Amino acid sequence: LALNVGTPTTVGSLLWAVTNNGTEPGNDGFIAKWFDQGGNNNHAIQTTLLNQPKIVTGGAVEVDVNGLPTLEWDGANDYFDLTAGINTSQIFYQSFVFERATGGINSISLGNASSSPSTTWWINTNSLLSSMPSNVVHDFSVDFGQFLITTLRDSSNDIKMWRDGVSLTTATVVDGGTVLTRLGSRTVTRHMGQMSECIYFAKDKEADRVSIESNTNTYYS
């Protein structure tokens, strides 16, 4: 799974489908489909307009602190359904680029609609947790700004996490195999703020972490 908002004026990098005439002057535009660039066609889809993140406001593309295109999530309704679910019991490597305009809000990566939801990571107020399925706090001090969160599950069932390249608390979790079906949602809790990139590998990429993060930071700076 590889999702990136991209630069819509560059040939080959139009990675989203806009609804509601968002490119017309004065109108808003929302994302119906965020295309998987990883070659697995695991696209993120939302057919209900009320639940679609915004890409255009008043005819202008939403941008992050560096002037790059991003998606704006309202924290109340917005989320995507994945074309195919992701099993949390498998080895994985994941990185997210997102922005919080203020502290004390919810930020969510991959989750599901279960009453006992699993989530690769989420931020409740200012605490960064993984929930697979038990909640484990990896960081107590995520406030506001743009962040790069990297999460890894290795063959020893260790959940490792890095915030902007800094190693956080590691937890060992045995998960029976919950399937993650949503992006930006866990049960009825929704992501609030911006989200620009989601990369997911169903393999251990810890040896490549520094180079992946370096490439990501170079782009978002």
Protein backbone atom coordinates (compact mmCIF):
# COMPACT_ATOMS: atom_id res chain seq x y z
CA LEU A 1 0.00 0.00 0.00
CA ALA A 2 1.49 3.34 -1.07
CA LEU A 3 -0.63 6.49 -0.93
CA ASN A 4 0.75 9.95 -1.67
CA VAL A 5 -1.23 13.10 -2.41
CA GLY A 6 1.34 14.03 -5.04
CA THR A 7 1.53 17.16 -7.16
CA PRO A 8 -1.52 17.41 -9.44
CA THR A 9 0.27 19.57 -12.02
CA THR A 10 2.93 16.92 -12.65
CA VAL A 11 2.20 14.30 -15.32
CA GLY A 12 1.81 10.83 -13.81
CA SER A 13 1.32 11.93 -10.21
CA LEU A 14 -2.41 12.66 -10.18
CA LEU A 15 -3.08 10.14 -7.44
CA TRP A 16 -6.59 11.08 -6.39
CA ALA A 17 -10.05 11.49 -7.88
CA VAL A 18 -11.82 14.77 -7.09
CA THR A 19 -15.60 14.98 -6.66
CA ASN A 20 -18.00 17.93 -6.40
CA ASN A 21 -16.31 20.19 -9.00
CA GLY A 22 -13.44 20.96 -6.65
CA THR A 23 -11.26 22.43 -9.39
CA GLU A 24 -13.84 25.06 -10.37
CA PRO A 25 -13.31 28.58 -8.95
CA GLY A 26 -14.95 29.06 -5.56
CA ASN A 27 -15.91 25.40 -5.07
CA ASP A 28 -14.74 22.73 -2.64
CA GLY A 29 -13.40 19.34 -3.76
CA PHE A 30 -13.36 16.03 -1.92
CA ILE A 31 -11.56 12.74 -2.48
CA ALA A 32 -13.59 9.73 -3.61
CA LYS A 33 -10.59 7.49 -4.31
CA TRP A 34 -6.97 7.60 -3.18
CA PHE A 35 -5.00 5.36 -5.51
CA ASP A 36 -2.54 2.72 -4.29
CA GLN A 37 0.84 3.37 -5.93
CA GLY A 38 2.32 0.08 -4.67
CA GLY A 39 0.98 -2.01 -7.52
CA ASN A 40 -1.48 -4.04 -5.40
CA ASN A 41 -4.60 -2.00 -6.28
CA ASN A 42 -5.49 -1.69 -2.60
CA HIS A 43 -7.08 1.70 -3.17
CA ALA A 44 -8.66 3.80 -0.40
CA ILE A 45 -12.27 4.53 -1.39
CA GLN A 46 -15.09 6.64 0.01
CA THR A 47 -18.30 6.92 -2.03
CA THR A 48 -20.24 9.03 0.50
CA LEU A 49 -19.55 12.74 0.00
CA LEU A 50 -20.09 13.57 3.69
CA ASN A 51 -17.28 11.16 4.64
CA GLN A 52 -14.71 12.25 2.04
CA PRO A 53 -11.56 14.20 3.07
CA LYS A 54 -11.14 17.56 1.38
CA ILE A 55 -8.51 18.39 -1.24
CA VAL A 56 -9.82 21.77 -2.47
CA THR A 57 -11.31 24.67 -0.51
CA GLY A 58 -12.86 27.57 -2.41
CA GLY A 59 -11.11 26.49 -5.61
CA ALA A 60 -7.66 26.34 -3.97
CA VAL A 61 -5.81 23.06 -3.32
CA GLU A 62 -5.21 22.28 0.37
CA VAL A 63 -1.49 22.51 1.21
CA ASP A 64 0.72 21.61 4.16
CA VAL A 65 3.22 23.84 5.98
CA ASN A 66 5.65 23.46 3.06
CA GLY A 67 3.11 24.38 0.40
CA LEU A 68 2.64 20.75 -0.79
CA PRO A 69 -0.81 19.29 -1.57
CA THR A 70 -2.47 17.41 1.28
CA LEU A 71 -5.84 16.05 2.41
CA GLU A 72 -7.84 17.77 5.14
CA TRP A 73 -9.85 15.50 7.48
CA ASP A 74 -12.69 16.95 9.58
CA GLY A 75 -12.35 14.65 12.63
CA ALA A 76 -16.09 13.89 12.59
CA ASN A 77 -17.01 11.92 9.47
CA ASP A 78 -14.01 11.50 7.15
CA TYR A 79 -12.41 8.13 6.44
CA PHE A 80 -11.60 5.71 3.61
CA ASP A 81 -12.42 2.02 3.18
CA LEU A 82 -9.55 -0.12 1.89
CA THR A 83 -10.21 -2.29 -1.16
CA ALA A 84 -8.60 -5.23 0.67
CA GLY A 85 -8.12 -5.63 4.41
CA ILE A 86 -4.70 -5.82 6.10
CA ASN A 87 -4.05 -8.48 8.74
CA THR A 88 -2.41 -7.01 11.85
CA SER A 89 -0.78 -10.29 12.88
CA GLN A 90 1.65 -10.20 9.95
CA ILE A 91 5.06 -8.55 9.84
CA PHE A 92 4.76 -5.02 8.50
CA TYR A 93 6.48 -1.68 8.07
CA GLN A 94 4.44 1.52 7.86
CA SER A 95 5.14 5.24 7.62
CA PHE A 96 2.68 8.15 7.74
CA VAL A 97 3.10 11.87 7.08
CA PHE A 98 0.41 13.97 8.75
CA GLU A 99 -0.12 17.30 10.46
CA ARG A 100 -1.93 18.35 13.63
CA ALA A 101 -3.00 22.00 13.73
CA THR A 102 -3.42 21.80 17.48
CA GLY A 103 -2.83 19.40 20.35
CA GLY A 104 -5.60 17.44 22.03
CA ILE A 105 -7.18 16.01 18.86
CA ASN A 106 -7.39 12.50 17.40
CA SER A 107 -4.94 11.33 14.74
CA ILE A 108 -5.48 7.86 13.27
CA SER A 109 -3.69 5.67 10.73
CA LEU A 110 -5.13 2.27 9.72
CA GLY A 111 -8.03 0.88 11.75
CA ASN A 112 -11.40 -0.82 11.48
CA ALA A 113 -15.03 -0.57 12.56
CA SER A 114 -14.85 -3.26 15.25
CA SER A 115 -16.14 -2.55 18.76
CA SER A 116 -12.68 -3.68 19.96
CA PRO A 117 -10.65 -1.97 17.23
CA SER A 118 -7.08 -2.61 16.25
CA THR A 119 -5.01 0.30 14.95
CA THR A 120 -1.40 0.39 13.78
CA TRP A 121 -1.17 3.72 15.60
CA TRP A 122 -3.43 6.50 16.83
CA ILE A 123 -3.04 9.62 18.93
CA ASN A 124 -5.54 10.11 21.73
CA THR A 125 -5.19 13.71 22.92
CA ASN A 126 -1.34 13.83 22.93
CA SER A 127 -0.49 10.16 23.55
CA LEU A 128 0.73 8.00 20.65
CA LEU A 129 -0.55 4.41 20.95
CA SER A 130 -0.67 1.16 19.04
CA SER A 131 -3.75 -1.06 19.51
CA MET A 132 -3.23 -4.62 18.30
CA PRO A 133 -5.59 -5.14 20.03
CA SER A 134 -4.43 -3.91 23.47
CA ASN A 135 -3.51 -0.25 23.84
CA VAL A 136 0.21 0.41 24.31
CA VAL A 137 1.49 3.97 24.80
CA HIS A 138 4.68 4.67 22.83
CA ASP A 139 4.88 8.44 23.40
CA PHE A 140 3.13 10.90 25.75
CA SER A 141 4.11 14.17 24.10
CA VAL A 142 2.74 14.48 20.56
CA ASP A 143 1.44 18.03 20.41
CA PHE A 144 1.01 19.87 17.08
CA GLY A 145 2.93 20.26 13.82
CA GLN A 146 3.84 17.96 10.95
CA PHE A 147 5.02 14.46 11.87
CA LEU A 148 6.51 11.37 10.27
CA ILE A 149 5.47 8.27 12.25
CA THR A 150 7.13 4.95 11.40
CA THR A 151 5.71 1.71 12.81
CA LEU A 152 7.19 -1.79 12.52
CA ARG A 153 6.10 -5.25 13.60
CA ASP A 154 8.94 -7.78 13.40
CA SER A 155 9.11 -11.58 13.57
CA SER A 156 9.37 -11.43 17.38
CA ASN A 157 6.02 -9.59 17.61
CA ASP A 158 7.82 -6.42 18.73
CA ILE A 159 5.95 -3.24 17.84
CA LYS A 160 8.57 -0.56 17.25
CA MET A 161 7.80 3.07 16.60
CA TRP A 162 9.74 6.19 15.58
CA ARG A 163 8.56 9.78 15.61
CA ASP A 164 10.53 11.96 13.20
CA GLY A 165 13.38 9.46 13.33
CA VAL A 166 13.50 9.24 17.14
CA SER A 167 12.98 5.76 18.60
CA LEU A 168 10.03 5.41 20.98
CA THR A 169 8.92 2.74 23.45
CA THR A 170 8.87 -0.82 22.03
CA ALA A 171 6.09 -3.24 22.97
CA THR A 172 5.70 -6.99 22.44
CA VAL A 173 2.16 -7.90 21.37
CA VAL A 174 0.57 -11.18 20.29
CA ASP A 175 -2.39 -10.45 18.02
CA GLY A 176 -4.80 -13.10 16.80
CA GLY A 177 -5.12 -11.43 13.42
CA THR A 178 -7.53 -8.51 13.31
CA VAL A 179 -8.17 -7.20 9.81
CA LEU A 180 -7.74 -3.46 9.25
CA THR A 181 -10.25 -2.16 6.72
CA ARG A 182 -10.17 1.62 7.10
CA LEU A 183 -7.81 4.56 6.77
CA GLY A 184 -8.23 7.41 9.25
CA SER A 185 -10.80 5.67 11.45
CA ARG A 186 -11.10 3.33 14.45
CA THR A 187 -14.73 2.46 15.33
CA VAL A 188 -16.42 5.91 15.31
CA THR A 189 -13.28 7.96 16.07
CA ARG A 190 -11.92 9.83 13.03
CA HIS A 191 -8.61 11.40 12.05
CA MET A 192 -8.56 15.21 12.33
CA GLY A 193 -6.12 17.44 10.49
CA GLN A 194 -4.00 16.76 7.44
CA MET A 195 -2.70 13.50 5.97
CA SER A 196 -0.25 13.50 3.07
CA GLU A 197 1.28 10.05 2.75
CA CYS A 198 0.80 6.44 3.85
CA ILE A 199 3.31 3.71 2.98
CA TYR A 200 2.73 0.10 4.09
CA PHE A 201 4.94 -2.94 3.42
CA ALA A 202 3.90 -6.47 4.43
CA LYS A 203 7.54 -7.13 5.36
CA ASP A 204 10.23 -6.01 7.78
CA LYS A 205 11.92 -2.92 6.31
CA GLU A 206 13.79 -1.81 9.43
CA ALA A 207 17.12 -2.09 7.61
CA ASP A 208 15.83 0.49 5.11
CA ARG A 209 14.12 2.76 7.64
CA VAL A 210 16.72 5.52 7.69
CA SER A 211 16.84 5.79 3.91
CA ILE A 212 13.01 5.69 3.60
CA GLU A 213 12.65 8.42 6.23
CA SER A 214 15.42 10.46 4.61
CA ASN A 215 13.69 10.36 1.23
CA THR A 216 10.38 11.27 2.84
CA ASN A 217 11.88 14.19 4.78
CA THR A 218 13.59 15.47 1.64
CA TYR A 219 10.24 15.61 -0.17
CA TYR A 220 8.30 17.18 2.73
CA SER A 221 10.74 20.00 3.45
